[in-house]
Amino acid sequence: MNQRLLVSVVDDDESVRESLPDLLREFGFAVKAFPSAEMFLASGDAEATRCLILDIAMPGMCGPELQQELARRGYAIPIIFITAHGDAAERPRLIRQGAVDCLMKPFSEAALLKALSAALPVG
């Protein structure tokens, strides 16, 4: 089985949508990037997505709102939140609500790999 797992990136920051997929491809994942939660939902890729890397603060539907909408639709996609504007209370709250992790931008490759390993257990 050589099919690469799909990791979707949803972030309104164009530089993140350009750089993060390159890194994820180096890690061996298939990647799709979206500029908004609404575009991700409209894409039809939720079914195939095995992990979602999701910005917290975006225009329109924010990351936590997308998390709730995916749950409402019955998708149990592991979510790694990323943010440049987090506070100390936000990370534990998001994890309590089901996120795998919440990484502060800029985050290290090691931190991302650790979160991906938690989201996508090898088995």
C-alpha atoms as a PDB file:
ATOM      1  CA  MET A   1       0.000   0.000   0.000  1.00  0.00           C
ATOM      2  CA  ASN A   2       1.802   3.065  -1.286  1.00  0.00           C
ATOM      3  CA  GLN A   3      -1.081   5.498  -1.242  1.00  0.00           C
ATOM      4  CA  ARG A   4      -0.086   8.631   0.619  1.00  0.00           C
ATOM      5  CA  LEU A   5      -2.403   9.943   3.317  1.00  0.00           C
ATOM      6  CA  LEU A   6      -4.124  13.242   2.506  1.00  0.00           C
ATOM      7  CA  VAL A   7      -3.391  16.119   4.857  1.00  0.00           C
ATOM      8  CA  SER A   8      -5.466  19.235   4.165  1.00  0.00           C
ATOM      9  CA  VAL A   9      -4.234  22.678   5.180  1.00  0.00           C
ATOM     10  CA  VAL A  10      -6.761  25.469   5.762  1.00  0.00           C
ATOM     11  CA  ASP A  11      -5.176  28.870   6.353  1.00  0.00           C
ATOM     12  CA  ASP A  12      -5.942  32.347   5.010  1.00  0.00           C
ATOM     13  CA  ASP A  13      -2.197  33.180   5.015  1.00  0.00           C
ATOM     14  CA  GLU A  14      -0.873  32.559   1.503  1.00  0.00           C
ATOM     15  CA  SER A  15       2.712  32.028   2.705  1.00  0.00           C
ATOM     16  CA  VAL A  16       1.518  29.178   4.969  1.00  0.00           C
ATOM     17  CA  ARG A  17      -0.491  27.639   2.112  1.00  0.00           C
ATOM     18  CA  GLU A  18       2.649  27.694  -0.043  1.00  0.00           C
ATOM     19  CA  SER A  19       5.329  26.558   2.428  1.00  0.00           C
ATOM     20  CA  LEU A  20       3.511  24.067   4.662  1.00  0.00           C
ATOM     21  CA  PRO A  21       2.359  21.762   1.819  1.00  0.00           C
ATOM     22  CA  ASP A  22       5.956  21.527   0.548  1.00  0.00           C
ATOM     23  CA  LEU A  23       7.124  20.417   4.000  1.00  0.00           C
ATOM     24  CA  LEU A  24       4.256  17.933   4.356  1.00  0.00           C
ATOM     25  CA  ARG A  25       5.074  16.432   0.934  1.00  0.00           C
ATOM     26  CA  GLU A  26       8.686  15.991   2.108  1.00  0.00           C
ATOM     27  CA  PHE A  27       7.246  14.032   5.060  1.00  0.00           C
ATOM     28  CA  GLY A  28       5.483  11.764   2.538  1.00  0.00           C
ATOM     29  CA  PHE A  29       1.916  13.076   2.632  1.00  0.00           C
ATOM     30  CA  ALA A  30      -0.439  14.059  -0.144  1.00  0.00           C
ATOM     31  CA  VAL A  31      -1.544  17.648   0.497  1.00  0.00           C
ATOM     32  CA  LYS A  32      -4.320  20.010  -0.497  1.00  0.00           C
ATOM     33  CA  ALA A  33      -4.406  23.616   0.712  1.00  0.00           C
ATOM     34  CA  PHE A  34      -7.414  25.897   1.049  1.00  0.00           C
ATOM     35  CA  PRO A  35      -7.663  29.638   1.810  1.00  0.00           C
ATOM     36  CA  SER A  36     -10.871  29.305   3.836  1.00  0.00           C
ATOM     37  CA  ALA A  37     -12.993  26.874   5.810  1.00  0.00           C
ATOM     38  CA  GLU A  38     -15.829  27.407   3.362  1.00  0.00           C
ATOM     39  CA  MET A  39     -13.645  26.398   0.399  1.00  0.00           C
ATOM     40  CA  PHE A  40     -12.527  23.248   2.225  1.00  0.00           C
ATOM     41  CA  LEU A  41     -16.143  22.277   2.927  1.00  0.00           C
ATOM     42  CA  ALA A  42     -17.143  22.971  -0.699  1.00  0.00           C
ATOM     43  CA  SER A  43     -14.209  20.958  -2.110  1.00  0.00           C
ATOM     44  CA  GLY A  44     -15.565  17.548  -1.214  1.00  0.00           C
ATOM     45  CA  ASP A  45     -12.142  16.589   0.181  1.00  0.00           C
ATOM     46  CA  ALA A  46     -13.296  16.136   3.786  1.00  0.00           C
ATOM     47  CA  GLU A  47     -14.065  12.467   3.126  1.00  0.00           C
ATOM     48  CA  ALA A  48     -10.484  11.716   2.001  1.00  0.00           C
ATOM     49  CA  THR A  49      -8.691  13.994   4.482  1.00  0.00           C
ATOM     50  CA  ARG A  50      -6.875  11.990   7.173  1.00  0.00           C
ATOM     51  CA  CYS A  51      -5.593  15.025   9.088  1.00  0.00           C
ATOM     52  CA  LEU A  52      -6.534  18.695   8.971  1.00  0.00           C
ATOM     53  CA  ILE A  53      -4.051  21.445   9.765  1.00  0.00           C
ATOM     54  CA  LEU A  54      -6.286  24.358  10.552  1.00  0.00           C
ATOM     55  CA  ASP A  55      -5.676  28.026  11.321  1.00  0.00           C
ATOM     56  CA  ILE A  56      -7.704  29.270  14.272  1.00  0.00           C
ATOM     57  CA  ALA A  57      -8.380  32.862  13.183  1.00  0.00           C
ATOM     58  CA  MET A  58      -9.646  33.338   9.622  1.00  0.00           C
ATOM     59  CA  PRO A  59     -12.164  35.640   7.961  1.00  0.00           C
ATOM     60  CA  GLY A  60     -15.582  34.031   7.648  1.00  0.00           C
ATOM     61  CA  MET A  61     -15.745  30.667   9.380  1.00  0.00           C
ATOM     62  CA  CYS A  62     -12.927  30.362  11.930  1.00  0.00           C
ATOM     63  CA  GLY A  63     -11.067  27.127  12.696  1.00  0.00           C
ATOM     64  CA  PRO A  64     -13.077  26.108  15.774  1.00  0.00           C
ATOM     65  CA  GLU A  65     -16.319  26.744  13.828  1.00  0.00           C
ATOM     66  CA  LEU A  66     -15.084  24.443  11.047  1.00  0.00           C
ATOM     67  CA  GLN A  67     -14.237  21.823  13.690  1.00  0.00           C
ATOM     68  CA  GLN A  68     -17.829  22.017  14.975  1.00  0.00           C
ATOM     69  CA  GLU A  69     -19.285  21.883  11.459  1.00  0.00           C
ATOM     70  CA  LEU A  70     -17.231  18.798  10.560  1.00  0.00           C
ATOM     71  CA  ALA A  71     -18.426  17.081  13.751  1.00  0.00           C
ATOM     72  CA  ARG A  72     -22.019  18.051  12.916  1.00  0.00           C
ATOM     73  CA  ARG A  73     -21.595  16.448   9.481  1.00  0.00           C
ATOM     74  CA  GLY A  74     -20.152  13.279  11.019  1.00  0.00           C
ATOM     75  CA  TYR A  75     -16.497  13.693   9.988  1.00  0.00           C
ATOM     76  CA  ALA A  76     -14.015  12.567  12.646  1.00  0.00           C
ATOM     77  CA  ILE A  77     -10.908  14.145  11.124  1.00  0.00           C
ATOM     78  CA  PRO A  78      -7.948  14.643  13.482  1.00  0.00           C
ATOM     79  CA  ILE A  79      -7.260  18.383  13.676  1.00  0.00           C
ATOM     80  CA  ILE A  80      -4.000  20.167  14.399  1.00  0.00           C
ATOM     81  CA  PHE A  81      -4.692  23.845  15.007  1.00  0.00           C
ATOM     82  CA  ILE A  82      -2.083  26.457  14.154  1.00  0.00           C
ATOM     83  CA  THR A  83      -2.187  30.072  15.259  1.00  0.00           C
ATOM     84  CA  ALA A  84      -0.166  33.250  15.446  1.00  0.00           C
ATOM     85  CA  HIS A  85      -2.606  34.823  17.902  1.00  0.00           C
ATOM     86  CA  GLY A  86      -3.136  32.246  20.629  1.00  0.00           C
ATOM     87  CA  ASP A  87      -3.307  32.733  24.344  1.00  0.00           C
ATOM     88  CA  ALA A  88      -2.367  30.259  27.041  1.00  0.00           C
ATOM     89  CA  ALA A  89      -5.983  29.243  27.724  1.00  0.00           C
ATOM     90  CA  GLU A  90      -6.807  28.534  24.089  1.00  0.00           C
ATOM     91  CA  ARG A  91      -4.647  25.411  23.610  1.00  0.00           C
ATOM     92  CA  PRO A  92      -6.135  23.326  26.468  1.00  0.00           C
ATOM     93  CA  ARG A  93      -9.671  24.397  25.476  1.00  0.00           C
ATOM     94  CA  LEU A  94      -9.162  23.296  21.861  1.00  0.00           C
ATOM     95  CA  ILE A  95      -7.647  19.988  22.958  1.00  0.00           C
ATOM     96  CA  ARG A  96     -10.598  19.389  25.311  1.00  0.00           C
ATOM     97  CA  GLN A  97     -12.852  19.971  22.296  1.00  0.00           C
ATOM     98  CA  GLY A  98     -11.058  17.230  20.380  1.00  0.00           C
ATOM     99  CA  ALA A  99      -8.033  18.801  18.675  1.00  0.00           C
ATOM    100  CA  VAL A 100      -4.872  16.701  18.533  1.00  0.00           C
ATOM    101  CA  ASP A 101      -2.654  19.725  19.172  1.00  0.00           C
ATOM    102  CA  CYS A 102      -2.434  23.495  18.870  1.00  0.00           C
ATOM    103  CA  LEU A 103       0.855  24.848  17.551  1.00  0.00           C
ATOM    104  CA  MET A 104       1.959  28.468  17.809  1.00  0.00           C
ATOM    105  CA  LYS A 105       3.358  29.978  14.598  1.00  0.00           C
ATOM    106  CA  PRO A 106       6.192  29.756  13.860  1.00  0.00           C
ATOM    107  CA  PHE A 107       6.423  26.105  14.886  1.00  0.00           C
ATOM    108  CA  SER A 108       9.312  23.709  14.347  1.00  0.00           C
ATOM    109  CA  GLU A 109       9.349  20.752  11.976  1.00  0.00           C
ATOM    110  CA  ALA A 110       9.799  18.535  15.046  1.00  0.00           C
ATOM    111  CA  ALA A 111       6.662  19.945  16.717  1.00  0.00           C
ATOM    112  CA  LEU A 112       4.674  19.415  13.518  1.00  0.00           C
ATOM    113  CA  LEU A 113       5.951  15.859  13.100  1.00  0.00           C
ATOM    114  CA  LYS A 114       5.087  15.066  16.724  1.00  0.00           C
ATOM    115  CA  ALA A 115       1.538  16.374  16.222  1.00  0.00           C
ATOM    116  CA  LEU A 116       1.166  14.453  12.946  1.00  0.00           C
ATOM    117  CA  SER A 117       2.378  11.263  14.656  1.00  0.00           C
ATOM    118  CA  ALA A 118      -0.284  11.742  17.330  1.00  0.00           C
ATOM    119  CA  ALA A 119      -2.966  12.452  14.694  1.00  0.00           C
ATOM    120  CA  LEU A 120      -2.032   9.580  12.396  1.00  0.00           C
ATOM    121  CA  PRO A 121      -0.918   6.610  14.491  1.00  0.00           C
ATOM    122  CA  VAL A 122       1.068   4.089  12.512  1.00  0.00           C
ATOM    123  CA  GLY A 123      -0.664   0.768  12.487  1.00  0.00           C
END
